[in-house]
């Protein structure tokens, strides 16, 4: 922009006194530092610890640094508990099963499975895309079984589709599941949001390998 540009006329920098007054006003609305004996205002939050997620202390800059330097989320946990926590964190601390397992598989906790799947457990085939019967009736020749790689099998399982589903069936099921698990249709439920992310990833993977 040229120095004689007309746009310079519309640029306004607040005077130093005005900026200082605004900063003092903002600072006055801050809570007091919760460090014992500290008279400063708290500009920073620090987590209260394991088991109190979403709760915070309010400290000034010096004391939040001091608190964070000694903070240990795993304090009181054994090495095996820490290892298990880190392993479970990969799946968001949600129960997982082998590909193609469902609530009827021996050894699967049915209650945990139903909670993990959510509303989808009650909606099996809204568009009839899972049916292996064609319009010709029971005498129709079944489609040949695909030879799928592990990630492809996992993607079909995420979409609750049989391995023989064709492109149209996959697209129809994907659209149905997106509507079912969209946050707007579930009051912003985080579990529904995470499930939707898994569904989109599975569908995109099937597109990438040419199955859609």
C-alpha atoms as a PDB file:
ATOM      1  CA  UNK A   1       0.000   0.000   0.000  1.00  0.00           C
ATOM      2  CA  UNK A   2       1.352   3.417  -0.947  1.00  0.00           C
ATOM      3  CA  UNK A   3       2.091   6.002   1.724  1.00  0.00           C
ATOM      4  CA  UNK A   4      -0.362   8.444   0.152  1.00  0.00           C
ATOM      5  CA  UNK A   5      -3.146   5.872   0.018  1.00  0.00           C
ATOM      6  CA  UNK A   6      -6.583   7.012   1.122  1.00  0.00           C
ATOM      7  CA  UNK A   7      -6.819   3.984   3.397  1.00  0.00           C
ATOM      8  CA  UNK A   8      -4.330   5.516   5.800  1.00  0.00           C
ATOM      9  CA  UNK A   9      -7.018   8.035   6.725  1.00  0.00           C
ATOM     10  CA  UNK A  10      -9.228   5.252   8.126  1.00  0.00           C
ATOM     11  CA  UNK A  11      -6.475   3.713  10.284  1.00  0.00           C
ATOM     12  CA  UNK A  12      -6.764   4.716  13.932  1.00  0.00           C
ATOM     13  CA  UNK A  13      -4.366   3.675  16.676  1.00  0.00           C
ATOM     14  CA  UNK A  14      -5.735   4.054  20.175  1.00  0.00           C
ATOM     15  CA  UNK A  15      -3.764   6.538  22.284  1.00  0.00           C
ATOM     16  CA  UNK A  16      -1.486   5.005  24.913  1.00  0.00           C
ATOM     17  CA  UNK A  17      -3.620   6.351  27.770  1.00  0.00           C
ATOM     18  CA  UNK A  18      -6.756   4.821  26.269  1.00  0.00           C
ATOM     19  CA  UNK A  19      -5.046   1.447  25.847  1.00  0.00           C
ATOM     20  CA  UNK A  20      -3.784   1.488  29.433  1.00  0.00           C
ATOM     21  CA  UNK A  21      -7.254   2.315  30.759  1.00  0.00           C
ATOM     22  CA  UNK A  22      -8.775  -0.523  28.738  1.00  0.00           C
ATOM     23  CA  UNK A  23      -6.144  -2.948  30.052  1.00  0.00           C
ATOM     24  CA  UNK A  24      -6.790  -1.820  33.658  1.00  0.00           C
ATOM     25  CA  UNK A  25     -10.526  -2.276  33.161  1.00  0.00           C
ATOM     26  CA  UNK A  26     -10.036  -5.788  31.781  1.00  0.00           C
ATOM     27  CA  UNK A  27      -7.625  -6.659  34.583  1.00  0.00           C
ATOM     28  CA  UNK A  28     -10.044  -5.456  37.265  1.00  0.00           C
ATOM     29  CA  UNK A  29     -12.628  -7.991  36.113  1.00  0.00           C
ATOM     30  CA  UNK A  30     -10.234 -10.926  36.549  1.00  0.00           C
ATOM     31  CA  UNK A  31     -10.562 -13.168  39.617  1.00  0.00           C
ATOM     32  CA  UNK A  32      -7.941 -13.038  42.368  1.00  0.00           C
ATOM     33  CA  UNK A  33      -5.033 -15.460  42.206  1.00  0.00           C
ATOM     34  CA  UNK A  34      -5.842 -18.552  44.279  1.00  0.00           C
ATOM     35  CA  UNK A  35      -2.252 -19.017  45.424  1.00  0.00           C
ATOM     36  CA  UNK A  36      -2.223 -18.476  49.167  1.00  0.00           C
ATOM     37  CA  UNK A  37      -1.145 -14.948  50.042  1.00  0.00           C
ATOM     38  CA  UNK A  38      -0.864 -13.722  46.446  1.00  0.00           C
ATOM     39  CA  UNK A  39      -2.451 -10.272  45.837  1.00  0.00           C
ATOM     40  CA  UNK A  40      -2.224 -10.482  42.015  1.00  0.00           C
ATOM     41  CA  UNK A  41      -5.044 -11.040  39.554  1.00  0.00           C
ATOM     42  CA  UNK A  42      -5.460 -14.495  37.984  1.00  0.00           C
ATOM     43  CA  UNK A  43      -4.941 -14.385  34.228  1.00  0.00           C
ATOM     44  CA  UNK A  44      -4.357 -18.114  33.729  1.00  0.00           C
ATOM     45  CA  UNK A  45      -6.142 -21.395  34.429  1.00  0.00           C
ATOM     46  CA  UNK A  46      -4.550 -24.624  35.671  1.00  0.00           C
ATOM     47  CA  UNK A  47      -6.251 -28.063  35.818  1.00  0.00           C
ATOM     48  CA  UNK A  48      -7.219 -29.293  39.277  1.00  0.00           C
ATOM     49  CA  UNK A  49      -6.157 -32.858  38.507  1.00  0.00           C
ATOM     50  CA  UNK A  50      -7.253 -36.366  37.579  1.00  0.00           C
ATOM     51  CA  UNK A  51     -10.893 -37.076  38.366  1.00  0.00           C
ATOM     52  CA  UNK A  52     -11.771 -33.371  38.252  1.00  0.00           C
ATOM     53  CA  UNK A  53     -11.776 -32.791  34.525  1.00  0.00           C
ATOM     54  CA  UNK A  54     -13.171 -29.426  33.527  1.00  0.00           C
ATOM     55  CA  UNK A  55     -12.296 -27.848  36.912  1.00  0.00           C
ATOM     56  CA  UNK A  56      -9.495 -25.299  37.184  1.00  0.00           C
ATOM     57  CA  UNK A  57      -7.474 -23.199  39.594  1.00  0.00           C
ATOM     58  CA  UNK A  58      -6.952 -19.545  38.691  1.00  0.00           C
ATOM     59  CA  UNK A  59      -3.415 -18.232  39.103  1.00  0.00           C
ATOM     60  CA  UNK A  60      -1.267 -15.286  38.095  1.00  0.00           C
ATOM     61  CA  UNK A  61       1.538 -15.900  35.613  1.00  0.00           C
ATOM     62  CA  UNK A  62       4.258 -16.621  38.200  1.00  0.00           C
ATOM     63  CA  UNK A  63       2.153 -19.055  40.189  1.00  0.00           C
ATOM     64  CA  UNK A  64       0.684 -20.899  37.198  1.00  0.00           C
ATOM     65  CA  UNK A  65       4.247 -21.556  36.085  1.00  0.00           C
ATOM     66  CA  UNK A  66       5.147 -22.803  39.549  1.00  0.00           C
ATOM     67  CA  UNK A  67       2.041 -25.006  39.678  1.00  0.00           C
ATOM     68  CA  UNK A  68       2.604 -26.464  36.212  1.00  0.00           C
ATOM     69  CA  UNK A  69       6.241 -27.253  36.989  1.00  0.00           C
ATOM     70  CA  UNK A  70       5.151 -29.700  39.694  1.00  0.00           C
ATOM     71  CA  UNK A  71       1.867 -30.886  38.154  1.00  0.00           C
ATOM     72  CA  UNK A  72       1.626 -34.633  37.482  1.00  0.00           C
ATOM     73  CA  UNK A  73      -1.624 -36.019  36.116  1.00  0.00           C
ATOM     74  CA  UNK A  74      -0.499 -39.587  36.879  1.00  0.00           C
ATOM     75  CA  UNK A  75       0.390 -38.933  40.511  1.00  0.00           C
ATOM     76  CA  UNK A  76      -0.730 -41.906  42.648  1.00  0.00           C
ATOM     77  CA  UNK A  77      -1.004 -44.322  39.709  1.00  0.00           C
ATOM     78  CA  UNK A  78       1.153 -47.423  39.344  1.00  0.00           C
ATOM     79  CA  UNK A  79       3.294 -48.030  36.258  1.00  0.00           C
ATOM     80  CA  UNK A  80       0.789 -50.604  34.969  1.00  0.00           C
ATOM     81  CA  UNK A  81      -2.112 -48.169  35.465  1.00  0.00           C
ATOM     82  CA  UNK A  82      -0.231 -45.430  33.605  1.00  0.00           C
ATOM     83  CA  UNK A  83       0.557 -47.838  30.762  1.00  0.00           C
ATOM     84  CA  UNK A  84      -3.084 -48.927  30.537  1.00  0.00           C
ATOM     85  CA  UNK A  85      -4.255 -45.282  30.578  1.00  0.00           C
ATOM     86  CA  UNK A  86      -1.928 -44.367  27.707  1.00  0.00           C
ATOM     87  CA  UNK A  87      -3.075 -47.407  25.711  1.00  0.00           C
ATOM     88  CA  UNK A  88      -6.770 -46.595  26.265  1.00  0.00           C
ATOM     89  CA  UNK A  89      -6.175 -42.945  25.338  1.00  0.00           C
ATOM     90  CA  UNK A  90      -5.619 -44.029  21.721  1.00  0.00           C
ATOM     91  CA  UNK A  91      -9.336 -44.893  21.452  1.00  0.00           C
ATOM     92  CA  UNK A  92     -10.541 -42.081  23.705  1.00  0.00           C
ATOM     93  CA  UNK A  93     -10.970 -44.498  26.658  1.00  0.00           C
ATOM     94  CA  UNK A  94     -13.841 -46.219  24.887  1.00  0.00           C
ATOM     95  CA  UNK A  95     -14.265 -49.996  24.664  1.00  0.00           C
ATOM     96  CA  UNK A  96     -13.142 -51.574  21.394  1.00  0.00           C
ATOM     97  CA  UNK A  97     -13.657 -54.944  19.709  1.00  0.00           C
ATOM     98  CA  UNK A  98     -12.168 -56.918  16.890  1.00  0.00           C
ATOM     99  CA  UNK A  99     -13.405 -56.177  13.376  1.00  0.00           C
ATOM    100  CA  UNK A 100     -16.821 -57.758  12.667  1.00  0.00           C
ATOM    101  CA  UNK A 101     -17.554 -58.332  16.373  1.00  0.00           C
ATOM    102  CA  UNK A 102     -20.992 -57.278  17.596  1.00  0.00           C
ATOM    103  CA  UNK A 103     -23.204 -57.445  20.670  1.00  0.00           C
ATOM    104  CA  UNK A 104     -23.899 -61.137  20.082  1.00  0.00           C
ATOM    105  CA  UNK A 105     -20.232 -62.159  19.931  1.00  0.00           C
ATOM    106  CA  UNK A 106     -19.227 -64.343  22.918  1.00  0.00           C
ATOM    107  CA  UNK A 107     -17.224 -62.418  25.489  1.00  0.00           C
ATOM    108  CA  UNK A 108     -18.515 -58.991  24.415  1.00  0.00           C
ATOM    109  CA  UNK A 109     -20.099 -56.817  27.113  1.00  0.00           C
ATOM    110  CA  UNK A 110     -23.513 -56.202  25.519  1.00  0.00           C
ATOM    111  CA  UNK A 111     -24.252 -53.107  27.618  1.00  0.00           C
ATOM    112  CA  UNK A 112     -20.902 -51.516  26.758  1.00  0.00           C
ATOM    113  CA  UNK A 113     -21.363 -52.442  23.101  1.00  0.00           C
ATOM    114  CA  UNK A 114     -24.832 -50.864  22.963  1.00  0.00           C
ATOM    115  CA  UNK A 115     -23.541 -47.691  24.633  1.00  0.00           C
ATOM    116  CA  UNK A 116     -20.557 -47.513  22.282  1.00  0.00           C
ATOM    117  CA  UNK A 117     -22.654 -47.967  19.139  1.00  0.00           C
ATOM    118  CA  UNK A 118     -25.385 -45.596  20.359  1.00  0.00           C
ATOM    119  CA  UNK A 119     -28.608 -45.102  18.348  1.00  0.00           C
ATOM    120  CA  UNK A 120     -27.153 -47.048  15.451  1.00  0.00           C
ATOM    121  CA  UNK A 121     -27.630 -50.289  17.439  1.00  0.00           C
ATOM    122  CA  UNK A 122     -31.387 -49.835  17.026  1.00  0.00           C
ATOM    123  CA  UNK A 123     -31.312 -48.814  13.355  1.00  0.00           C
ATOM    124  CA  UNK A 124     -30.216 -51.769  11.342  1.00  0.00           C
ATOM    125  CA  UNK A 125     -31.247 -51.130   7.763  1.00  0.00           C
ATOM    126  CA  UNK A 126     -33.252 -47.913   7.218  1.00  0.00           C
ATOM    127  CA  UNK A 127     -32.929 -48.009   3.416  1.00  0.00           C
ATOM    128  CA  UNK A 128     -32.848 -51.749   2.877  1.00  0.00           C
ATOM    129  CA  UNK A 129     -29.262 -51.582   1.651  1.00  0.00           C
ATOM    130  CA  UNK A 130     -28.142 -54.436   3.887  1.00  0.00           C
ATOM    131  CA  UNK A 131     -30.528 -56.956   2.448  1.00  0.00           C
ATOM    132  CA  UNK A 132     -28.777 -59.627   0.426  1.00  0.00           C
ATOM    133  CA  UNK A 133     -31.971 -60.567  -1.364  1.00  0.00           C
ATOM    134  CA  UNK A 134     -32.676 -58.989  -4.717  1.00  0.00           C
ATOM    135  CA  UNK A 135     -36.047 -58.129  -6.123  1.00  0.00           C
ATOM    136  CA  UNK A 136     -36.055 -61.546  -7.821  1.00  0.00           C
ATOM    137  CA  UNK A 137     -36.781 -63.210  -4.468  1.00  0.00           C
ATOM    138  CA  UNK A 138     -35.171 -65.945  -2.440  1.00  0.00           C
ATOM    139  CA  UNK A 139     -33.961 -67.808  -5.457  1.00  0.00           C
ATOM    140  CA  UNK A 140     -31.521 -65.039  -6.447  1.00  0.00           C
ATOM    141  CA  UNK A 141     -27.879 -65.984  -6.768  1.00  0.00           C
ATOM    142  CA  UNK A 142     -25.850 -64.547  -3.854  1.00  0.00           C
ATOM    143  CA  UNK A 143     -23.124 -62.117  -4.759  1.00  0.00           C
ATOM    144  CA  UNK A 144     -19.521 -63.419  -4.623  1.00  0.00           C
ATOM    145  CA  UNK A 145     -17.698 -62.658  -1.408  1.00  0.00           C
ATOM    146  CA  UNK A 146     -14.982 -60.008  -1.635  1.00  0.00           C
ATOM    147  CA  UNK A 147     -11.436 -60.587  -0.496  1.00  0.00           C
ATOM    148  CA  UNK A 148     -10.807 -57.553   1.681  1.00  0.00           C
ATOM    149  CA  UNK A 149      -7.777 -56.276   3.496  1.00  0.00           C
ATOM    150  CA  UNK A 150      -8.019 -55.656   7.274  1.00  0.00           C
ATOM    151  CA  UNK A 151      -8.537 -51.865   6.976  1.00  0.00           C
ATOM    152  CA  UNK A 152     -11.222 -52.388   4.333  1.00  0.00           C
ATOM    153  CA  UNK A 153     -13.025 -54.865   6.600  1.00  0.00           C
ATOM    154  CA  UNK A 154     -12.819 -52.362   9.437  1.00  0.00           C
ATOM    155  CA  UNK A 155     -14.306 -49.625   7.237  1.00  0.00           C
ATOM    156  CA  UNK A 156     -17.255 -51.854   6.260  1.00  0.00           C
ATOM    157  CA  UNK A 157     -17.790 -52.734   9.929  1.00  0.00           C
ATOM    158  CA  UNK A 158     -17.789 -49.035  10.890  1.00  0.00           C
ATOM    159  CA  UNK A 159     -20.482 -48.411   8.268  1.00  0.00           C
ATOM    160  CA  UNK A 160     -22.394 -51.544   9.413  1.00  0.00           C
ATOM    161  CA  UNK A 161     -22.259 -52.942   5.890  1.00  0.00           C
ATOM    162  CA  UNK A 162     -21.683 -56.472   4.581  1.00  0.00           C
ATOM    163  CA  UNK A 163     -18.484 -56.973   2.619  1.00  0.00           C
ATOM    164  CA  UNK A 164     -20.503 -57.510  -0.598  1.00  0.00           C
ATOM    165  CA  UNK A 165     -22.159 -54.063  -0.504  1.00  0.00           C
ATOM    166  CA  UNK A 166     -21.831 -52.209  -3.810  1.00  0.00           C
ATOM    167  CA  UNK A 167     -21.105 -48.529  -4.399  1.00  0.00           C
ATOM    168  CA  UNK A 168     -24.732 -47.404  -4.320  1.00  0.00           C
ATOM    169  CA  UNK A 169     -25.370 -49.267  -1.076  1.00  0.00           C
ATOM    170  CA  UNK A 170     -22.261 -47.783   0.525  1.00  0.00           C
ATOM    171  CA  UNK A 171     -23.249 -44.239  -0.512  1.00  0.00           C
ATOM    172  CA  UNK A 172     -26.826 -44.677   0.730  1.00  0.00           C
ATOM    173  CA  UNK A 173     -25.690 -46.105   4.062  1.00  0.00           C
ATOM    174  CA  UNK A 174     -23.122 -43.324   4.474  1.00  0.00           C
ATOM    175  CA  UNK A 175     -25.757 -40.613   3.944  1.00  0.00           C
ATOM    176  CA  UNK A 176     -28.088 -42.335   6.395  1.00  0.00           C
ATOM    177  CA  UNK A 177     -25.432 -42.613   9.098  1.00  0.00           C
ATOM    178  CA  UNK A 178     -24.325 -39.011   8.632  1.00  0.00           C
ATOM    179  CA  UNK A 179     -27.886 -37.822   9.252  1.00  0.00           C
ATOM    180  CA  UNK A 180     -28.236 -40.180  12.215  1.00  0.00           C
ATOM    181  CA  UNK A 181     -25.031 -39.140  13.973  1.00  0.00           C
ATOM    182  CA  UNK A 182     -24.834 -35.457  12.997  1.00  0.00           C
ATOM    183  CA  UNK A 183     -24.379 -33.311  16.172  1.00  0.00           C
ATOM    184  CA  UNK A 184     -27.377 -31.147  15.221  1.00  0.00           C
ATOM    185  CA  UNK A 185     -29.574 -34.253  15.407  1.00  0.00           C
ATOM    186  CA  UNK A 186     -28.134 -35.344  18.758  1.00  0.00           C
ATOM    187  CA  UNK A 187     -28.023 -32.162  20.792  1.00  0.00           C
ATOM    188  CA  UNK A 188     -24.270 -31.758  20.309  1.00  0.00           C
ATOM    189  CA  UNK A 189     -23.496 -35.132  21.937  1.00  0.00           C
ATOM    190  CA  UNK A 190     -19.703 -35.644  21.832  1.00  0.00           C
ATOM    191  CA  UNK A 191     -20.072 -39.417  21.416  1.00  0.00           C
ATOM    192  CA  UNK A 192     -22.214 -38.842  18.353  1.00  0.00           C
ATOM    193  CA  UNK A 193     -19.647 -36.377  17.002  1.00  0.00           C
ATOM    194  CA  UNK A 194     -16.835 -38.912  17.459  1.00  0.00           C
ATOM    195  CA  UNK A 195     -18.894 -41.645  15.794  1.00  0.00           C
ATOM    196  CA  UNK A 196     -19.586 -39.332  12.859  1.00  0.00           C
ATOM    197  CA  UNK A 197     -15.852 -38.708  12.487  1.00  0.00           C
ATOM    198  CA  UNK A 198     -15.207 -42.479  12.343  1.00  0.00           C
ATOM    199  CA  UNK A 199     -17.940 -42.932   9.722  1.00  0.00           C
ATOM    200  CA  UNK A 200     -16.506 -40.177   7.499  1.00  0.00           C
ATOM    201  CA  UNK A 201     -12.996 -41.609   7.810  1.00  0.00           C
ATOM    202  CA  UNK A 202     -14.233 -45.091   6.896  1.00  0.00           C
ATOM    203  CA  UNK A 203     -16.154 -43.795   3.860  1.00  0.00           C
ATOM    204  CA  UNK A 204     -13.205 -41.720   2.649  1.00  0.00           C
ATOM    205  CA  UNK A 205     -10.942 -44.752   2.960  1.00  0.00           C
ATOM    206  CA  UNK A 206     -13.301 -46.878   0.844  1.00  0.00           C
ATOM    207  CA  UNK A 207     -13.311 -44.107  -1.774  1.00  0.00           C
ATOM    208  CA  UNK A 208      -9.536 -43.985  -1.684  1.00  0.00           C
ATOM    209  CA  UNK A 209      -9.217 -47.711  -2.419  1.00  0.00           C
ATOM    210  CA  UNK A 210     -11.804 -47.549  -5.201  1.00  0.00           C
ATOM    211  CA  UNK A 211     -14.716 -49.339  -3.496  1.00  0.00           C
ATOM    212  CA  UNK A 212     -16.975 -46.290  -3.774  1.00  0.00           C
END
